[in-house]
Amino acid sequence: MHDVAQAVGDTPRSCLTARDLTKVYHTGDVEIHALRGVDFELRPAELVVLLGPSGSGKSTLLNILGGLDTPTSGQLDFEDHDLTQAEESELTAFRREHVGFVFQFYNLIPSLTARENVALVTEIAASPMVPEEALAIVGLGDRLDHFPAQLSGGEQQRVAIARAIAKQPEILLCDEPTGALDSKTGIIVLEAIERVNLELGTSTAVITHNSTVAGMADRVVHIADGRIATVEFNEQRKPACELSW
């Protein structure tokens, strides 16, 4: 699907580029500044962890990057396309064709099996995997016909990851994917995200308040009070299986 070699070199091309993003919410007469001039890039095949406390602007940034929300000002480009000038129909197409989302809560349909939950996405995608392949990548090849109620929380989250990657998106955005899970189960979920990033070359951004997760990233972005506070690069990524908290 992707040429992982694109990420290697002195100046790798960015697939998502944000410049001077701001986001202001209005509650009555009160202005809430969720983002205050954020610059951010996500490069091909890269895994970025975004760290910060609740209310720092992490989820707002992720929602704008994924086309779920629009900035008050600034510019967001996907490859050569300016998403801040896009019509709603173009944003819908961007989300549908290029972005996979994973959230803290799994949002699976209880009356559908794991295979059927994934198939909901593959039926509308341009060049999808078969559901069985996506579920095998996240280690659930033997749970295809189980309903969500028959799966553990970690297994349900892995079904959600399979659903997100089944359309073969260039970008995977994960908002607190381990937030509802214990450490052991959370690491299994992170291993699934890691495998997607390494084997498929999917550009991946993971939001978390858990600083331990930063070890598995290529780049760690710390967000505070709506701004990028610091950016760190890991010389060597730590395998997800070696994390603990």
Protein backbone atom coordinates (compact mmCIF):
# COMPACT_ATOMS: atom_id res chain seq x y z
CA MET A 1 0.00 0.00 0.00
CA HIS A 2 2.68 2.48 1.01
CA ASP A 3 6.34 2.78 0.21
CA VAL A 4 7.92 2.77 3.66
CA ALA A 5 11.14 4.02 2.07
CA GLN A 6 9.41 7.38 1.60
CA ALA A 7 10.06 8.01 5.28
CA VAL A 8 13.79 7.49 4.89
CA GLY A 9 16.02 10.35 3.83
CA ASP A 10 17.07 13.82 4.81
CA THR A 11 13.85 15.66 3.95
CA PRO A 12 10.91 13.23 3.90
CA ARG A 13 7.72 14.59 2.41
CA SER A 14 4.90 15.34 4.85
CA CYS A 15 1.50 13.82 4.24
CA LEU A 16 -0.16 16.24 6.69
CA THR A 17 1.11 19.74 7.36
CA ALA A 18 -0.52 22.18 9.77
CA ARG A 19 0.56 25.81 9.99
CA ASP A 20 -0.42 28.28 12.72
CA LEU A 21 -3.65 26.46 13.62
CA THR A 22 -5.94 28.16 16.10
CA LYS A 23 -9.27 26.98 17.45
CA VAL A 24 -11.57 29.18 19.50
CA TYR A 25 -14.82 27.92 20.99
CA HIS A 26 -17.51 30.33 22.21
CA THR A 27 -19.60 29.53 25.26
CA GLY A 28 -21.91 32.47 25.71
CA ASP A 29 -19.62 35.48 26.07
CA VAL A 30 -16.63 33.33 26.99
CA GLU A 31 -13.92 32.47 24.45
CA ILE A 32 -12.06 29.20 24.95
CA HIS A 33 -8.76 29.03 23.06
CA ALA A 34 -8.20 25.31 22.45
CA LEU A 35 -5.31 25.78 20.00
CA ARG A 36 -2.97 28.78 19.90
CA GLY A 37 -0.85 28.80 16.74
CA VAL A 38 0.10 25.13 16.32
CA ASP A 39 2.55 23.94 13.65
CA PHE A 40 2.58 20.18 13.08
CA GLU A 41 3.69 17.67 10.46
CA LEU A 42 2.96 13.98 10.05
CA ARG A 43 5.33 12.22 7.69
CA PRO A 44 4.87 9.01 5.70
CA ALA A 45 5.25 5.85 7.82
CA GLU A 46 6.00 7.90 10.96
CA LEU A 47 4.59 7.13 14.41
CA VAL A 48 4.06 10.24 16.53
CA VAL A 49 2.89 10.30 20.13
CA LEU A 50 1.17 13.48 21.32
CA LEU A 51 1.42 13.93 25.08
CA GLY A 52 -0.34 16.40 27.31
CA PRO A 53 -2.80 16.77 30.18
CA SER A 54 -6.57 16.89 29.74
CA GLY A 55 -7.62 20.19 28.21
CA SER A 56 -4.27 20.85 26.57
CA GLY A 57 -5.69 20.73 23.02
CA LYS A 58 -4.60 17.23 21.96
CA SER A 59 -8.01 15.99 20.85
CA THR A 60 -8.88 19.29 19.18
CA LEU A 61 -5.69 19.04 17.11
CA LEU A 62 -6.37 15.40 16.20
CA ASN A 63 -9.94 16.19 15.16
CA ILE A 64 -8.73 18.99 12.89
CA LEU A 65 -5.99 16.80 11.39
CA GLY A 66 -8.60 14.15 10.60
CA GLY A 67 -11.12 16.52 9.08
CA LEU A 68 -13.64 16.05 11.89
CA ASP A 69 -13.36 19.72 12.84
CA THR A 70 -12.13 22.90 11.18
CA PRO A 71 -9.71 25.46 12.61
CA THR A 72 -10.65 29.03 13.41
CA SER A 73 -7.54 30.13 11.50
CA GLY A 74 -4.40 28.61 10.00
CA GLN A 75 -3.83 26.12 7.22
CA LEU A 76 -3.94 22.33 6.97
CA ASP A 77 -2.61 20.55 3.88
CA PHE A 78 -2.95 16.88 2.99
CA GLU A 79 -0.17 16.29 0.47
CA ASP A 80 -0.93 19.08 -2.04
CA HIS A 81 -4.53 19.75 -0.97
CA ASP A 82 -5.52 22.68 1.26
CA LEU A 83 -8.13 21.18 3.59
CA THR A 84 -8.92 24.51 5.23
CA GLN A 85 -10.45 25.65 1.93
CA ALA A 86 -12.29 22.38 1.34
CA GLU A 87 -16.05 21.99 1.09
CA GLU A 88 -17.76 19.64 3.53
CA SER A 89 -18.13 17.05 0.77
CA GLU A 90 -14.36 17.16 0.21
CA LEU A 91 -13.69 16.73 3.94
CA THR A 92 -16.06 13.76 3.96
CA ALA A 93 -14.14 12.22 1.07
CA PHE A 94 -10.83 12.91 2.85
CA ARG A 95 -12.04 11.15 6.02
CA ARG A 96 -13.53 8.26 4.09
CA GLU A 97 -10.61 7.60 1.77
CA HIS A 98 -7.49 8.63 3.64
CA VAL A 99 -7.98 8.56 7.43
CA GLY A 100 -8.67 5.82 9.96
CA PHE A 101 -9.83 6.77 13.46
CA VAL A 102 -9.49 4.89 16.75
CA PHE A 103 -11.05 6.36 19.87
CA GLN A 104 -10.97 5.51 23.57
CA PHE A 105 -14.38 3.87 23.33
CA TYR A 106 -14.74 1.28 20.63
CA ASN A 107 -18.06 2.30 19.01
CA LEU A 108 -18.72 -1.19 17.71
CA ILE A 109 -22.25 -2.20 16.70
CA PRO A 110 -23.33 -4.80 19.29
CA SER A 111 -25.55 -6.78 16.91
CA LEU A 112 -22.74 -7.34 14.39
CA THR A 113 -19.82 -9.76 14.60
CA ALA A 114 -16.21 -8.62 14.47
CA ARG A 115 -16.10 -9.47 10.77
CA GLU A 116 -19.35 -7.58 10.10
CA ASN A 117 -18.22 -4.50 12.05
CA VAL A 118 -15.10 -4.30 9.87
CA ALA A 119 -17.11 -5.01 6.71
CA LEU A 120 -19.13 -1.83 7.29
CA VAL A 121 -16.03 0.13 6.30
CA THR A 122 -14.81 -2.15 3.51
CA GLU A 123 -18.15 -1.89 1.73
CA ILE A 124 -17.69 1.86 1.15
CA ALA A 125 -13.91 2.00 0.64
CA ALA A 126 -12.24 2.31 -2.75
CA SER A 127 -9.60 -0.43 -2.34
CA PRO A 128 -10.17 -2.16 0.99
CA MET A 129 -8.67 -5.23 2.59
CA VAL A 130 -11.01 -8.10 3.17
CA PRO A 131 -12.21 -7.99 6.80
CA GLU A 132 -10.46 -11.25 7.60
CA GLU A 133 -7.10 -9.78 6.60
CA ALA A 134 -7.56 -6.66 8.72
CA LEU A 135 -8.58 -8.73 11.75
CA ALA A 136 -5.60 -11.05 11.26
CA ILE A 137 -3.22 -8.07 11.33
CA VAL A 138 -4.47 -7.15 14.83
CA GLY A 139 -4.31 -10.77 16.00
CA LEU A 140 -8.02 -11.60 15.87
CA GLY A 141 -8.12 -14.02 12.99
CA ASP A 142 -9.76 -16.59 15.28
CA ARG A 143 -12.46 -14.23 16.59
CA LEU A 144 -14.15 -13.30 13.31
CA ASP A 145 -17.64 -14.41 14.25
CA HIS A 146 -17.71 -13.22 17.84
CA PHE A 147 -20.01 -10.38 18.85
CA PRO A 148 -18.65 -7.44 20.88
CA ALA A 149 -20.25 -8.80 24.06
CA GLN A 150 -18.19 -11.98 23.59
CA LEU A 151 -14.93 -10.03 23.35
CA SER A 152 -12.78 -8.43 26.04
CA GLY A 153 -12.20 -4.68 26.05
CA GLY A 154 -8.81 -5.11 24.43
CA GLU A 155 -10.24 -7.37 21.73
CA GLN A 156 -12.99 -4.86 21.02
CA GLN A 157 -10.39 -2.11 20.65
CA ARG A 158 -8.43 -4.29 18.24
CA VAL A 159 -11.60 -4.80 16.19
CA ALA A 160 -11.89 -1.00 16.11
CA ILE A 161 -8.29 -0.78 14.85
CA ALA A 162 -9.01 -3.42 12.20
CA ARG A 163 -12.05 -1.43 11.12
CA ALA A 164 -9.93 1.74 10.89
CA ILE A 165 -7.20 0.16 8.75
CA ALA A 166 -9.40 -2.01 6.55
CA LYS A 167 -9.90 0.81 4.04
CA GLN A 168 -6.09 1.08 3.81
CA PRO A 169 -5.79 4.73 4.86
CA GLU A 170 -2.58 6.69 4.62
CA ILE A 171 -3.20 8.09 8.11
CA LEU A 172 -4.24 6.45 11.39
CA LEU A 173 -5.31 8.80 14.22
CA CYS A 174 -5.73 7.28 17.69
CA ASP A 175 -7.24 9.27 20.58
CA GLU A 176 -6.43 7.64 23.95
CA PRO A 177 -6.70 4.11 22.48
CA THR A 178 -5.62 2.51 25.77
CA GLY A 179 -7.44 4.93 28.07
CA ALA A 180 -10.15 2.44 29.07
CA LEU A 181 -7.79 -0.53 29.40
CA ASP A 182 -5.46 -1.97 32.02
CA SER A 183 -1.71 -1.99 31.37
CA LYS A 184 -1.42 -5.55 30.07
CA THR A 185 -4.37 -5.17 27.70
CA GLY A 186 -3.27 -1.69 26.66
CA ILE A 187 0.11 -2.98 25.57
CA ILE A 188 -1.56 -5.61 23.37
CA VAL A 189 -3.53 -2.82 21.71
CA LEU A 190 -0.36 -0.74 21.24
CA GLU A 191 1.33 -3.77 19.66
CA ALA A 192 -1.50 -3.86 17.11
CA ILE A 193 -1.04 -0.14 16.34
CA GLU A 194 2.72 -0.66 16.10
CA ARG A 195 2.27 -3.54 13.66
CA VAL A 196 -0.01 -1.47 11.43
CA ASN A 197 2.56 1.33 11.37
CA LEU A 198 5.57 -0.90 10.68
CA GLU A 199 4.06 -3.46 8.31
CA LEU A 200 1.68 -1.25 6.33
CA GLY A 201 3.66 1.98 6.56
CA THR A 202 0.62 3.86 7.84
CA SER A 203 1.41 7.33 9.18
CA THR A 204 0.19 7.15 12.77
CA ALA A 205 -0.51 9.70 15.50
CA VAL A 206 -1.41 8.51 19.01
CA ILE A 207 -2.80 10.84 21.66
CA THR A 208 -2.21 9.82 25.26
CA HIS A 209 -1.66 11.28 28.71
CA ASN A 210 0.53 8.23 29.52
CA SER A 211 4.16 9.31 29.09
CA THR A 212 5.35 5.68 28.96
CA VAL A 213 3.78 5.30 25.51
CA ALA A 214 6.24 7.90 24.18
CA GLY A 215 8.94 5.24 24.05
CA MET A 216 7.38 3.53 21.01
CA ALA A 217 7.32 6.72 18.90
CA ASP A 218 9.63 8.13 16.27
CA ARG A 219 8.74 11.60 17.55
CA VAL A 220 7.10 12.82 20.75
CA VAL A 221 5.13 16.08 20.73
CA HIS A 222 4.27 17.64 24.09
CA ILE A 223 1.20 19.88 24.06
CA ALA A 224 0.34 22.36 26.81
CA ASP A 225 -2.25 25.12 26.91
CA GLY A 226 -3.05 24.81 23.21
CA ARG A 227 0.56 25.07 22.07
CA ILE A 228 3.39 22.74 21.08
CA ALA A 229 5.62 22.91 24.16
CA THR A 230 8.48 20.60 23.11
CA VAL A 231 9.30 18.04 20.43
CA GLU A 232 11.61 15.08 21.04
CA PHE A 233 12.97 12.40 18.72
CA ASN A 234 13.69 8.86 19.82
CA GLU A 235 16.95 7.56 18.38
CA GLN A 236 15.50 4.08 18.64
CA ARG A 237 11.89 3.12 19.10
CA LYS A 238 11.08 0.84 22.00
CA PRO A 239 8.90 -2.14 21.03
CA ALA A 240 5.42 -1.86 22.50
CA CYS A 241 5.87 -5.22 24.22
CA GLU A 242 8.64 -3.69 26.35
CA LEU A 243 6.47 -0.89 27.71
CA SER A 244 4.94 -1.06 31.17
CA TRP A 245 3.05 1.26 33.47
